Amino acid sequence: MRLTSFAGAIALATSALLLGGCATPVKTDYTAFKASRPRSILVLPPLNHSPDVNATFSMLSQMTHPLAESGYYVMPVSLVSETFKQNGLTEAGDIHAVVPAKLREIFGADAALYVTVSRYGSSYTILKSEAVVSASARLVDLKSGDLLWSGQASASNNEGNNNSGGGLAGLLIQALVHQILNNVTDASHPVAGMTSQRLLRAGVPNGLLHGPRSPLYGQD
């Protein structure tokens, strides 16, 4: 009886794995995006759900580059920040709460990018130390308030590091050294740049469409 139950459990598990392996990835619906055709993007200060207070500024300072490279005009971050400050808005949460029509009235941009940082900083285990940055984003039409696109990305400074040539002792020393470096330097900042590129670069699966300043505009 026990053997029969065990065999049945294996069969169910195998079926689940096969079904999971055959699942088709969900594709992004670009209907609203293509209808809106945004030319300019207002990047809002990211919401920070991590314990590191540097997350918002670190991400904000590196998000305009992949958007500009993708063919969009991006409202200057310093000008946007000063405008919000003059209107008494200094917290990301308060800025995200401003209605799209008001943002459109103030800045004249076609769309706004809302970003949330869910993870930013270093973590340490016995055999591994790494800096990880994870974020999600929404692109919203400022004329209609419609959602045009959403995505998420993550990056780590320990990617591809599978070196175990020094055995257990080597792994322990390597993890300790990485932890020290991550603590004495802002190791998460360059990782935030990697996350920004993965999240906001056009031309990747389920990513943003190319903007009107790109030679690839209208081809994706």
N, C-alpha and C. Protein backbone atom coordinates (compact mmCIF):
# COMPACT_ATOMS: atom_id res chain seq x y z
N MET A 1 0.83 -1.20 0.00
CA MET A 1 0.00 0.00 0.00
C MET A 1 0.86 1.25 0.00
N ARG A 2 1.91 1.19 0.81
CA ARG A 2 2.81 2.33 0.88
C ARG A 2 3.54 2.54 -0.44
N LEU A 3 3.95 1.43 -1.07
CA LEU A 3 4.64 1.52 -2.35
C LEU A 3 3.73 2.12 -3.41
N THR A 4 2.45 1.71 -3.38
CA THR A 4 1.49 2.23 -4.34
C THR A 4 1.31 3.74 -4.16
N SER A 5 1.19 4.18 -2.91
CA SER A 5 1.01 5.61 -2.62
C SER A 5 2.24 6.40 -3.06
N PHE A 6 3.42 5.82 -2.79
CA PHE A 6 4.66 6.49 -3.16
C PHE A 6 4.78 6.64 -4.67
N ALA A 7 4.42 5.56 -5.38
CA ALA A 7 4.48 5.59 -6.84
C ALA A 7 3.50 6.62 -7.40
N GLY A 8 2.33 6.71 -6.76
CA GLY A 8 1.34 7.68 -7.21
C GLY A 8 1.82 9.11 -7.01
N ALA A 9 2.50 9.32 -5.89
CA ALA A 9 3.02 10.66 -5.61
C ALA A 9 4.07 11.06 -6.63
N ILE A 10 4.93 10.10 -6.99
CA ILE A 10 5.96 10.38 -8.00
C ILE A 10 5.32 10.72 -9.34
N ALA A 11 4.27 9.97 -9.69
CA ALA A 11 3.58 10.21 -10.97
C ALA A 11 2.98 11.60 -11.01
N LEU A 12 2.35 12.01 -9.90
CA LEU A 12 1.75 13.34 -9.84
C LEU A 12 2.81 14.43 -9.95
N ALA A 13 3.93 14.22 -9.24
CA ALA A 13 5.01 15.21 -9.28
C ALA A 13 5.59 15.33 -10.68
N THR A 14 5.77 14.18 -11.34
CA THR A 14 6.30 14.18 -12.70
C THR A 14 5.37 14.91 -13.65
N SER A 15 4.07 14.66 -13.51
CA SER A 15 3.09 15.32 -14.37
C SER A 15 3.13 16.83 -14.17
N ALA A 16 3.26 17.25 -12.92
CA ALA A 16 3.30 18.68 -12.62
C ALA A 16 4.52 19.33 -13.25
N LEU A 17 5.66 18.64 -13.19
CA LEU A 17 6.87 19.17 -13.78
C LEU A 17 6.75 19.30 -15.29
N LEU A 18 6.16 18.28 -15.91
CA LEU A 18 5.99 18.30 -17.36
C LEU A 18 5.06 19.41 -17.78
N LEU A 19 3.97 19.57 -17.04
CA LEU A 19 3.02 20.63 -17.37
C LEU A 19 3.65 22.00 -17.18
N GLY A 20 4.44 22.14 -16.11
CA GLY A 20 5.12 23.40 -15.86
C GLY A 20 6.12 23.73 -16.94
N GLY A 21 6.83 22.71 -17.42
CA GLY A 21 7.82 22.92 -18.46
C GLY A 21 7.21 23.29 -19.79
N CYS A 22 5.94 22.91 -20.00
CA CYS A 22 5.27 23.19 -21.26
C CYS A 22 4.50 24.50 -21.21
N ALA A 23 4.46 25.16 -20.07
CA ALA A 23 3.68 26.38 -19.93
C ALA A 23 4.27 27.48 -20.81
N THR A 24 3.41 28.25 -21.48
CA THR A 24 3.83 29.33 -22.35
C THR A 24 3.95 30.63 -21.55
N PRO A 25 5.09 31.31 -21.62
CA PRO A 25 5.25 32.56 -20.88
C PRO A 25 4.19 33.58 -21.29
N VAL A 26 3.69 34.32 -20.31
CA VAL A 26 2.68 35.33 -20.59
C VAL A 26 3.33 36.49 -21.35
N LYS A 27 2.71 36.90 -22.46
CA LYS A 27 3.25 37.99 -23.27
C LYS A 27 2.56 39.29 -22.92
N THR A 28 3.32 40.38 -22.94
CA THR A 28 2.79 41.69 -22.62
C THR A 28 1.86 42.18 -23.72
N ASP A 29 0.73 42.77 -23.34
CA ASP A 29 -0.21 43.35 -24.29
C ASP A 29 0.20 44.81 -24.53
N TYR A 30 0.62 45.11 -25.74
CA TYR A 30 1.10 46.45 -26.08
C TYR A 30 0.05 47.30 -26.78
N THR A 31 -1.20 46.90 -26.76
CA THR A 31 -2.24 47.63 -27.48
C THR A 31 -2.33 49.08 -27.03
N ALA A 32 -2.44 49.29 -25.71
CA ALA A 32 -2.54 50.66 -25.18
C ALA A 32 -1.26 51.45 -25.42
N PHE A 33 -0.12 50.78 -25.32
CA PHE A 33 1.18 51.43 -25.53
C PHE A 33 1.27 51.97 -26.96
N LYS A 34 0.92 51.14 -27.93
CA LYS A 34 1.02 51.53 -29.33
C LYS A 34 0.00 52.61 -29.68
N ALA A 35 -1.14 52.59 -29.02
CA ALA A 35 -2.16 53.61 -29.27
C ALA A 35 -1.75 54.96 -28.68
N SER A 36 -1.07 54.92 -27.55
CA SER A 36 -0.65 56.16 -26.87
C SER A 36 0.55 56.81 -27.55
N ARG A 37 1.51 56.02 -27.98
CA ARG A 37 2.73 56.51 -28.63
C ARG A 37 3.42 57.62 -27.82
N PRO A 38 3.80 57.35 -26.58
CA PRO A 38 4.45 58.39 -25.76
C PRO A 38 5.80 58.79 -26.32
N ARG A 39 6.06 60.09 -26.29
CA ARG A 39 7.34 60.61 -26.77
C ARG A 39 8.23 61.06 -25.60
N SER A 40 7.60 61.55 -24.55
CA SER A 40 8.35 62.05 -23.41
C SER A 40 7.90 61.33 -22.14
N ILE A 41 8.86 61.08 -21.23
CA ILE A 41 8.57 60.33 -20.00
C ILE A 41 9.04 61.11 -18.78
N LEU A 42 8.16 61.19 -17.81
CA LEU A 42 8.47 61.79 -16.52
C LEU A 42 8.81 60.67 -15.54
N VAL A 43 10.04 60.64 -15.05
CA VAL A 43 10.47 59.60 -14.11
C VAL A 43 10.25 60.10 -12.69
N LEU A 44 9.39 59.40 -11.95
CA LEU A 44 9.11 59.79 -10.57
C LEU A 44 10.10 59.12 -9.62
N PRO A 45 10.39 59.76 -8.49
CA PRO A 45 11.29 59.12 -7.50
C PRO A 45 10.73 57.76 -7.09
N PRO A 46 11.54 56.72 -7.11
CA PRO A 46 11.05 55.37 -6.78
C PRO A 46 10.59 55.25 -5.33
N LEU A 47 9.55 54.46 -5.13
CA LEU A 47 9.17 54.07 -3.78
C LEU A 47 10.20 53.07 -3.27
N ASN A 48 10.58 53.19 -2.03
CA ASN A 48 11.60 52.32 -1.45
C ASN A 48 10.98 51.41 -0.39
N HIS A 49 10.90 50.12 -0.69
CA HIS A 49 10.40 49.14 0.26
C HIS A 49 11.53 48.32 0.88
N SER A 50 12.76 48.77 0.67
CA SER A 50 13.92 48.10 1.26
C SER A 50 14.35 48.89 2.50
N PRO A 51 15.19 48.30 3.35
CA PRO A 51 15.64 49.03 4.55
C PRO A 51 16.74 50.04 4.28
N ASP A 52 17.29 50.08 3.07
CA ASP A 52 18.40 50.98 2.76
C ASP A 52 17.86 52.31 2.22
N VAL A 53 18.19 53.40 2.90
CA VAL A 53 17.68 54.71 2.51
C VAL A 53 18.28 55.21 1.20
N ASN A 54 19.34 54.59 0.72
CA ASN A 54 19.99 55.02 -0.52
C ASN A 54 19.28 54.51 -1.77
N ALA A 55 18.33 53.62 -1.62
CA ALA A 55 17.72 52.95 -2.76
C ALA A 55 17.05 53.91 -3.73
N THR A 56 16.27 54.86 -3.21
CA THR A 56 15.52 55.77 -4.08
C THR A 56 16.45 56.59 -4.96
N PHE A 57 17.43 57.27 -4.37
CA PHE A 57 18.32 58.12 -5.15
C PHE A 57 19.19 57.30 -6.09
N SER A 58 19.66 56.15 -5.63
CA SER A 58 20.53 55.31 -6.46
C SER A 58 19.82 54.87 -7.73
N MET A 59 18.58 54.40 -7.60
CA MET A 59 17.82 53.99 -8.78
C MET A 59 17.47 55.18 -9.65
N LEU A 60 17.01 56.26 -9.02
CA LEU A 60 16.57 57.45 -9.77
C LEU A 60 17.70 58.00 -10.64
N SER A 61 18.92 57.98 -10.12
CA SER A 61 20.06 58.56 -10.84
C SER A 61 20.48 57.72 -12.04
N GLN A 62 19.96 56.49 -12.16
CA GLN A 62 20.42 55.61 -13.24
C GLN A 62 19.30 55.13 -14.18
N MET A 63 18.08 55.60 -13.95
CA MET A 63 16.97 55.13 -14.78
C MET A 63 16.79 55.91 -16.07
N THR A 64 17.27 57.15 -16.12
CA THR A 64 17.07 57.94 -17.33
C THR A 64 17.89 57.43 -18.51
N HIS A 65 19.05 56.85 -18.22
CA HIS A 65 19.96 56.42 -19.30
C HIS A 65 19.33 55.36 -20.21
N PRO A 66 18.82 54.24 -19.68
CA PRO A 66 18.22 53.25 -20.59
C PRO A 66 16.97 53.78 -21.30
N LEU A 67 16.23 54.69 -20.68
CA LEU A 67 15.06 55.27 -21.34
C LEU A 67 15.48 56.15 -22.52
N ALA A 68 16.50 56.97 -22.30
CA ALA A 68 16.99 57.84 -23.37
C ALA A 68 17.58 57.01 -24.51
N GLU A 69 18.32 55.96 -24.15
CA GLU A 69 18.89 55.09 -25.18
C GLU A 69 17.81 54.36 -25.97
N SER A 70 16.65 54.18 -25.35
CA SER A 70 15.56 53.48 -26.01
C SER A 70 14.73 54.40 -26.91
N GLY A 71 15.08 55.69 -26.92
CA GLY A 71 14.44 56.59 -27.86
C GLY A 71 13.42 57.55 -27.29
N TYR A 72 13.46 57.79 -25.98
CA TYR A 72 12.49 58.69 -25.35
C TYR A 72 13.17 59.96 -24.85
N TYR A 73 12.42 61.05 -24.85
CA TYR A 73 12.89 62.25 -24.16
C TYR A 73 12.50 62.09 -22.70
N VAL A 74 13.48 62.22 -21.81
CA VAL A 74 13.24 62.05 -20.38
C VAL A 74 13.36 63.41 -19.70
N MET A 75 12.34 63.77 -18.94
CA MET A 75 12.37 65.03 -18.22
C MET A 75 13.58 65.06 -17.29
N PRO A 76 14.37 66.16 -17.28
CA PRO A 76 15.57 66.23 -16.44
C PRO A 76 15.26 65.99 -14.97
N VAL A 77 16.00 65.06 -14.36
CA VAL A 77 15.73 64.66 -12.98
C VAL A 77 15.85 65.83 -12.01
N SER A 78 16.89 66.66 -12.18
CA SER A 78 17.09 67.79 -11.26
C SER A 78 15.95 68.80 -11.36
N LEU A 79 15.48 69.06 -12.57
CA LEU A 79 14.37 70.00 -12.77
C LEU A 79 13.09 69.45 -12.15
N VAL A 80 12.84 68.17 -12.36
CA VAL A 80 11.65 67.53 -11.80
C VAL A 80 11.69 67.57 -10.28
N SER A 81 12.84 67.23 -9.71
CA SER A 81 12.99 67.22 -8.26
C SER A 81 12.75 68.61 -7.67
N GLU A 82 13.31 69.63 -8.30
CA GLU A 82 13.15 71.00 -7.80
C GLU A 82 11.69 71.46 -7.92
N THR A 83 11.04 71.07 -9.00
CA THR A 83 9.63 71.45 -9.19
C THR A 83 8.75 70.83 -8.11
N PHE A 84 8.98 69.57 -7.81
CA PHE A 84 8.22 68.92 -6.74
C PHE A 84 8.49 69.60 -5.40
N LYS A 85 9.75 69.95 -5.16
CA LYS A 85 10.12 70.58 -3.89
C LYS A 85 9.42 71.93 -3.74
N GLN A 86 9.37 72.69 -4.84
CA GLN A 86 8.71 73.99 -4.81
C GLN A 86 7.21 73.87 -4.53
N ASN A 87 6.67 72.70 -4.84
CA ASN A 87 5.25 72.45 -4.59
C ASN A 87 5.01 71.68 -3.30
N GLY A 88 6.05 71.59 -2.46
CA GLY A 88 5.92 70.97 -1.15
C GLY A 88 5.91 69.46 -1.16
N LEU A 89 6.40 68.84 -2.25
CA LEU A 89 6.42 67.38 -2.35
C LEU A 89 7.87 66.89 -2.34
N THR A 90 8.26 66.21 -1.28
CA THR A 90 9.62 65.70 -1.17
C THR A 90 9.67 64.19 -0.96
N GLU A 91 8.56 63.58 -0.60
CA GLU A 91 8.51 62.14 -0.36
C GLU A 91 7.95 61.41 -1.60
N ALA A 92 8.58 60.28 -1.94
CA ALA A 92 8.16 59.52 -3.12
C ALA A 92 6.70 59.10 -3.04
N GLY A 93 6.25 58.70 -1.85
CA GLY A 93 4.87 58.27 -1.70
C GLY A 93 3.88 59.37 -2.02
N ASP A 94 4.17 60.60 -1.59
CA ASP A 94 3.29 61.73 -1.87
C ASP A 94 3.30 62.07 -3.36
N ILE A 95 4.47 61.96 -3.97
CA ILE A 95 4.59 62.25 -5.40
C ILE A 95 3.83 61.23 -6.23
N HIS A 96 3.91 59.96 -5.86
CA HIS A 96 3.18 58.91 -6.58
C HIS A 96 1.67 59.09 -6.46
N ALA A 97 1.23 59.79 -5.42
CA ALA A 97 -0.20 59.97 -5.19
C ALA A 97 -0.80 61.10 -6.02
N VAL A 98 0.05 61.91 -6.66
CA VAL A 98 -0.45 63.00 -7.50
C VAL A 98 -1.16 62.41 -8.72
N VAL A 99 -2.32 62.92 -9.03
CA VAL A 99 -3.11 62.37 -10.14
C VAL A 99 -2.39 62.62 -11.47
N PRO A 100 -2.48 61.70 -12.42
CA PRO A 100 -1.79 61.85 -13.70
C PRO A 100 -2.09 63.16 -14.42
N ALA A 101 -3.33 63.61 -14.38
CA ALA A 101 -3.69 64.85 -15.08
C ALA A 101 -2.91 66.04 -14.54
N LYS A 102 -2.68 66.06 -13.22
CA LYS A 102 -1.93 67.15 -12.61
C LYS A 102 -0.47 67.10 -13.03
N LEU A 103 0.11 65.90 -13.10
CA LEU A 103 1.50 65.75 -13.55
C LEU A 103 1.62 66.22 -15.00
N ARG A 104 0.62 65.91 -15.79
CA ARG A 104 0.60 66.34 -17.19
C ARG A 104 0.56 67.86 -17.27
N GLU A 105 -0.26 68.47 -16.42
CA GLU A 105 -0.40 69.93 -16.40
C GLU A 105 0.90 70.61 -16.01
N ILE A 106 1.60 70.05 -15.04
CA ILE A 106 2.82 70.68 -14.55
C ILE A 106 4.01 70.47 -15.48
N PHE A 107 4.19 69.25 -15.97
CA PHE A 107 5.40 68.91 -16.72
C PHE A 107 5.19 68.77 -18.23
N GLY A 108 3.97 68.54 -18.66
CA GLY A 108 3.71 68.40 -20.09
C GLY A 108 4.19 67.11 -20.70
N ALA A 109 4.56 66.14 -19.89
CA ALA A 109 5.06 64.86 -20.40
C ALA A 109 3.90 63.98 -20.87
N ASP A 110 4.20 63.05 -21.74
CA ASP A 110 3.18 62.13 -22.26
C ASP A 110 2.87 61.00 -21.28
N ALA A 111 3.91 60.52 -20.58
CA ALA A 111 3.74 59.37 -19.69
C ALA A 111 4.63 59.54 -18.46
N ALA A 112 4.27 58.84 -17.40
CA ALA A 112 5.06 58.87 -16.17
C ALA A 112 5.48 57.45 -15.80
N LEU A 113 6.69 57.33 -15.27
CA LEU A 113 7.21 56.04 -14.87
C LEU A 113 7.18 55.94 -13.35
N TYR A 114 6.45 54.95 -12.86
CA TYR A 114 6.34 54.69 -11.42
C TYR A 114 7.16 53.45 -11.10
N VAL A 115 8.17 53.60 -10.25
CA VAL A 115 9.07 52.49 -9.92
C VAL A 115 9.01 52.20 -8.42
N THR A 116 9.05 50.92 -8.08
CA THR A 116 9.10 50.50 -6.68
C THR A 116 10.31 49.59 -6.49
N VAL A 117 11.16 49.94 -5.55
CA VAL A 117 12.33 49.11 -5.22
C VAL A 117 11.94 48.18 -4.08
N SER A 118 11.96 46.88 -4.34
CA SER A 118 11.57 45.91 -3.31
C SER A 118 12.76 45.36 -2.55
N ARG A 119 13.93 45.43 -3.17
CA ARG A 119 15.14 44.91 -2.51
C ARG A 119 16.34 45.73 -2.93
N TYR A 120 17.14 46.15 -1.96
CA TYR A 120 18.34 46.92 -2.22
C TYR A 120 19.29 46.74 -1.04
N GLY A 121 20.46 46.18 -1.30
CA GLY A 121 21.42 46.00 -0.23
C GLY A 121 22.11 44.65 -0.28
N SER A 122 22.97 44.43 0.70
CA SER A 122 23.78 43.22 0.75
C SER A 122 23.21 42.22 1.74
N SER A 123 23.37 40.95 1.41
CA SER A 123 22.97 39.88 2.32
C SER A 123 24.15 38.92 2.45
N TYR A 124 24.25 38.30 3.62
CA TYR A 124 25.40 37.43 3.89
C TYR A 124 24.92 36.11 4.48
N THR A 125 25.37 35.03 3.86
CA THR A 125 25.16 33.70 4.42
C THR A 125 26.54 33.10 4.63
N ILE A 126 26.60 31.91 5.16
CA ILE A 126 27.90 31.30 5.48
C ILE A 126 28.79 31.17 4.24
N LEU A 127 28.16 30.84 3.10
CA LEU A 127 28.96 30.57 1.91
C LEU A 127 28.81 31.61 0.81
N LYS A 128 28.02 32.64 1.05
CA LYS A 128 27.79 33.60 -0.04
C LYS A 128 27.46 34.98 0.51
N SER A 129 28.00 36.00 -0.14
CA SER A 129 27.65 37.38 0.15
C SER A 129 27.39 38.08 -1.17
N GLU A 130 26.28 38.79 -1.26
CA GLU A 130 25.96 39.45 -2.52
C GLU A 130 25.11 40.70 -2.29
N ALA A 131 25.24 41.64 -3.22
CA ALA A 131 24.40 42.83 -3.23
C ALA A 131 23.34 42.61 -4.30
N VAL A 132 22.08 42.77 -3.91
CA VAL A 132 20.96 42.51 -4.81
C VAL A 132 20.06 43.72 -4.88
N VAL A 133 19.61 44.04 -6.10
CA VAL A 133 18.63 45.11 -6.29
C VAL A 133 17.50 44.58 -7.16
N SER A 134 16.27 44.67 -6.65
CA SER A 134 15.09 44.23 -7.37
C SER A 134 14.09 45.39 -7.44
N ALA A 135 13.45 45.56 -8.59
CA ALA A 135 12.51 46.66 -8.75
C ALA A 135 11.43 46.30 -9.76
N SER A 136 10.30 46.98 -9.65
CA SER A 136 9.21 46.84 -10.61
C SER A 136 8.83 48.23 -11.10
N ALA A 137 8.19 48.30 -12.27
CA ALA A 137 7.87 49.60 -12.85
C ALA A 137 6.53 49.56 -13.58
N ARG A 138 5.89 50.73 -13.62
CA ARG A 138 4.66 50.91 -14.39
C ARG A 138 4.78 52.19 -15.21
N LEU A 139 4.41 52.13 -16.49
CA LEU A 139 4.38 53.31 -17.34
C LEU A 139 2.92 53.69 -17.55
N VAL A 140 2.58 54.91 -17.16
CA VAL A 140 1.19 55.35 -17.17
C VAL A 140 1.01 56.55 -18.10
N ASP A 141 -0.02 56.50 -18.92
CA ASP A 141 -0.36 57.60 -19.82
C ASP A 141 -0.89 58.77 -18.98
N LEU A 142 -0.28 59.93 -19.08
CA LEU A 142 -0.70 61.06 -18.27
C LEU A 142 -1.93 61.76 -18.82
N LYS A 143 -2.30 61.47 -20.04
CA LYS A 143 -3.51 62.08 -20.60
C LYS A 143 -4.75 61.31 -20.17
N SER A 144 -4.66 59.98 -20.20
CA SER A 144 -5.83 59.15 -19.89
C SER A 144 -5.76 58.45 -18.54
N GLY A 145 -4.54 58.32 -18.00
CA GLY A 145 -4.36 57.57 -16.77
C GLY A 145 -4.26 56.07 -16.98
N ASP A 146 -4.25 55.64 -18.25
CA ASP A 146 -4.20 54.21 -18.57
C ASP A 146 -2.81 53.63 -18.33
N LEU A 147 -2.77 52.37 -17.93
CA LEU A 147 -1.51 51.65 -17.80
C LEU A 147 -1.04 51.23 -19.18
N LEU A 148 0.17 51.63 -19.54
CA LEU A 148 0.72 51.30 -20.86
C LEU A 148 1.62 50.07 -20.82
N TRP A 149 2.31 49.90 -19.71
CA TRP A 149 3.29 48.80 -19.61
C TRP A 149 3.68 48.60 -18.15
N SER A 150 4.05 47.38 -17.80
CA SER A 150 4.59 47.10 -16.48
C SER A 150 5.64 46.01 -16.60
N GLY A 151 6.61 46.02 -15.71
CA GLY A 151 7.67 45.01 -15.74
C GLY A 151 8.43 44.97 -14.43
N GLN A 152 9.33 44.01 -14.33
CA GLN A 152 10.15 43.89 -13.13
C GLN A 152 11.50 43.28 -13.50
N ALA A 153 12.51 43.57 -12.68
CA ALA A 153 13.85 43.05 -12.94
C ALA A 153 14.64 43.00 -11.64
N SER A 154 15.71 42.21 -11.69
CA SER A 154 16.58 42.05 -10.53
C SER A 154 18.00 41.79 -11.01
N ALA A 155 18.98 42.18 -10.20
CA ALA A 155 20.38 41.93 -10.53
C ALA A 155 21.18 41.74 -9.25
N SER A 156 22.32 41.07 -9.38
CA SER A 156 23.19 40.78 -8.24
C SER A 156 24.64 40.93 -8.67
N ASN A 157 25.50 41.32 -7.73
CA ASN A 157 26.93 41.39 -8.05
C ASN A 157 27.62 40.04 -7.89
N ASN A 158 26.84 39.01 -7.66
CA ASN A 158 27.40 37.67 -7.51
C ASN A 158 26.98 36.75 -8.65
N GLU A 159 26.44 37.32 -9.70
CA GLU A 159 25.95 36.52 -10.83
C GLU A 159 27.11 35.83 -11.54
N GLY A 160 26.93 34.57 -11.81
CA GLY A 160 27.94 33.80 -12.53
C GLY A 160 29.14 33.43 -11.71
N ASN A 161 29.11 33.71 -10.41
CA ASN A 161 30.27 33.39 -9.56
C ASN A 161 30.07 32.02 -8.93
N ASN A 162 30.52 30.98 -9.61
CA ASN A 162 30.39 29.61 -9.11
C ASN A 162 31.73 28.98 -8.79
N ASN A 163 32.70 29.83 -8.48
CA ASN A 163 34.05 29.34 -8.22
C ASN A 163 34.14 28.60 -6.88
N SER A 164 34.44 27.33 -6.94
CA SER A 164 34.60 26.55 -5.70
C SER A 164 35.95 25.84 -5.69
N GLY A 165 36.92 26.42 -6.42
CA GLY A 165 38.23 25.78 -6.54
C GLY A 165 38.96 25.68 -5.21
N GLY A 166 38.66 26.55 -4.26
CA GLY A 166 39.35 26.51 -2.98
C GLY A 166 38.66 25.65 -1.95
N GLY A 167 37.64 24.91 -2.36
CA GLY A 167 36.92 24.06 -1.42
C GLY A 167 36.09 24.89 -0.45
N LEU A 168 35.68 24.25 0.64
CA LEU A 168 34.83 24.91 1.62
C LEU A 168 35.52 26.10 2.26
N ALA A 169 36.80 25.95 2.59
CA ALA A 169 37.55 27.05 3.21
C ALA A 169 37.63 28.24 2.25
N GLY A 170 37.84 27.95 0.97
CA GLY A 170 37.91 29.01 -0.02
C GLY A 170 36.60 29.76 -0.16
N LEU A 171 35.48 29.02 -0.13
CA LEU A 171 34.17 29.65 -0.22
C LEU A 171 33.90 30.54 0.98
N LEU A 172 34.29 30.08 2.17
CA LEU A 172 34.08 30.86 3.38
C LEU A 172 34.87 32.17 3.33
N ILE A 173 36.13 32.08 2.91
CA ILE A 173 36.97 33.28 2.82
C ILE A 173 36.43 34.24 1.76
N GLN A 174 36.02 33.66 0.62
CA GLN A 174 35.49 34.48 -0.47
C GLN A 174 34.22 35.22 -0.03
N ALA A 175 33.33 34.53 0.67
CA ALA A 175 32.10 35.15 1.14
C ALA A 175 32.40 36.27 2.13
N LEU A 176 33.38 36.04 3.02
CA LEU A 176 33.75 37.05 4.01
C LEU A 176 34.34 38.29 3.35
N VAL A 177 35.22 38.07 2.37
CA VAL A 177 35.83 39.19 1.66
C VAL A 177 34.76 40.01 0.93
N HIS A 178 33.82 39.32 0.26
CA HIS A 178 32.74 40.02 -0.44
C HIS A 178 31.88 40.81 0.52
N GLN A 179 31.62 40.24 1.71
CA GLN A 179 30.81 40.93 2.68
C GLN A 179 31.49 42.22 3.16
N ILE A 180 32.79 42.15 3.38
CA ILE A 180 33.54 43.33 3.81
C ILE A 180 33.50 44.41 2.72
N LEU A 181 33.74 44.01 1.47
CA LEU A 181 33.71 44.95 0.36
C LEU A 181 32.32 45.56 0.19
N ASN A 182 31.29 44.74 0.33
CA ASN A 182 29.92 45.23 0.19
C ASN A 182 29.57 46.24 1.27
N ASN A 183 30.18 46.07 2.45
CA ASN A 183 29.87 46.96 3.57
C ASN A 183 30.65 48.27 3.50
N VAL A 184 31.90 48.22 3.06
CA VAL A 184 32.72 49.43 3.05
C VAL A 184 32.53 50.23 1.77
N THR A 185 31.94 49.65 0.75
CA THR A 185 31.63 50.37 -0.48
C THR A 185 30.13 50.27 -0.73
N ASP A 186 29.62 51.16 -1.57
CA ASP A 186 28.20 51.10 -1.93
C ASP A 186 28.05 50.09 -3.06
N ALA A 187 28.16 48.82 -2.72
CA ALA A 187 28.15 47.76 -3.74
C ALA A 187 26.82 47.68 -4.47
N SER A 188 25.75 48.15 -3.86
CA SER A 188 24.43 48.05 -4.48
C SER A 188 24.22 49.08 -5.58
N HIS A 189 24.98 50.18 -5.56
CA HIS A 189 24.76 51.24 -6.56
C HIS A 189 24.98 50.77 -7.99
N PRO A 190 26.14 50.15 -8.31
CA PRO A 190 26.30 49.64 -9.68
C PRO A 190 25.31 48.53 -10.01
N VAL A 191 24.88 47.77 -9.02
CA VAL A 191 23.88 46.73 -9.25
C VAL A 191 22.54 47.37 -9.61
N ALA A 192 22.25 48.52 -8.99
CA ALA A 192 21.03 49.25 -9.34
C ALA A 192 21.07 49.68 -10.81
N GLY A 193 22.26 50.00 -11.31
CA GLY A 193 22.40 50.33 -12.72
C GLY A 193 22.08 49.15 -13.61
N MET A 194 22.54 47.96 -13.21
CA MET A 194 22.23 46.75 -13.96
C MET A 194 20.72 46.48 -13.96
N THR A 195 20.10 46.66 -12.80
CA THR A 195 18.65 46.44 -12.69
C THR A 195 17.89 47.43 -13.56
N SER A 196 18.33 48.69 -13.56
CA SER A 196 17.69 49.72 -14.38
C SER A 196 17.76 49.37 -15.86
N GLN A 197 18.91 48.88 -16.30
CA GLN A 197 19.07 48.49 -17.70
C GLN A 197 18.14 47.34 -18.05
N ARG A 198 18.09 46.34 -17.20
CA ARG A 198 17.23 45.18 -17.47
C ARG A 198 15.76 45.55 -17.44
N LEU A 199 15.41 46.48 -16.58
CA LEU A 199 14.02 46.86 -16.40
C LEU A 199 13.51 47.78 -17.50
N LEU A 200 14.36 48.73 -17.94
CA LEU A 200 13.87 49.83 -18.78
C LEU A 200 14.45 49.87 -20.18
N ARG A 201 15.30 48.94 -20.54
CA ARG A 201 15.85 48.93 -21.89
C ARG A 201 14.84 48.35 -22.86
N ALA A 202 14.63 49.01 -23.97
CA ALA A 202 13.69 48.52 -24.98
C ALA A 202 14.32 47.39 -25.78
N GLY A 203 13.48 46.58 -26.39
CA GLY A 203 13.96 45.52 -27.27
C GLY A 203 14.14 44.17 -26.62
N VAL A 204 13.88 44.06 -25.31
CA VAL A 204 13.98 42.77 -24.63
C VAL A 204 12.57 42.18 -24.50
N PRO A 205 12.45 40.86 -24.32
CA PRO A 205 11.12 40.25 -24.20
C PRO A 205 10.29 40.90 -23.09
N ASN A 206 9.09 41.31 -23.43
CA ASN A 206 8.14 41.95 -22.51
C ASN A 206 8.64 43.28 -21.96
N GLY A 207 9.64 43.87 -22.63
CA GLY A 207 10.17 45.16 -22.18
C GLY A 207 9.46 46.32 -22.84
N LEU A 208 10.00 47.52 -22.63
CA LEU A 208 9.44 48.71 -23.25
C LEU A 208 9.60 48.66 -24.76
N LEU A 209 8.71 49.34 -25.46
CA LEU A 209 8.86 49.50 -26.91
C LEU A 209 9.84 50.63 -27.18
N HIS A 210 10.48 50.62 -28.35
CA HIS A 210 11.40 51.69 -28.70
C HIS A 210 10.64 52.99 -28.90
N GLY A 211 11.26 54.10 -28.46
CA GLY A 211 10.64 55.40 -28.57
C GLY A 211 10.89 56.05 -29.91
N PRO A 212 10.27 57.22 -30.15
CA PRO A 212 10.34 57.89 -31.45
C PRO A 212 11.73 58.39 -31.85
N ARG A 213 12.65 58.49 -30.89
CA ARG A 213 14.01 58.94 -31.22
C ARG A 213 14.93 57.77 -31.57
N SER A 214 14.41 56.57 -31.54
CA SER A 214 15.20 55.39 -31.87
C SER A 214 14.99 55.00 -33.34
N PRO A 215 16.06 54.56 -34.02
CA PRO A 215 15.91 54.09 -35.41
C PRO A 215 15.05 52.84 -35.50
N LEU A 216 14.81 52.19 -34.36
CA LEU A 216 13.98 50.97 -34.33
C LEU A 216 12.53 51.28 -33.98
N TYR A 217 12.19 52.56 -33.94
CA TYR A 217 10.82 52.95 -33.58
C TYR A 217 9.80 52.36 -34.55
N GLY A 218 8.77 51.74 -33.99
CA GLY A 218 7.71 51.16 -34.81
C GLY A 218 8.00 49.78 -35.34
N GLN A 219 9.20 49.24 -35.01
CA GLN A 219 9.56 47.92 -35.52
C GLN A 219 9.34 46.81 -34.50
N ASP A 220 8.98 47.15 -33.26
CA ASP A 220 8.74 46.12 -32.28
C ASP A 220 7.29 46.13 -31.81
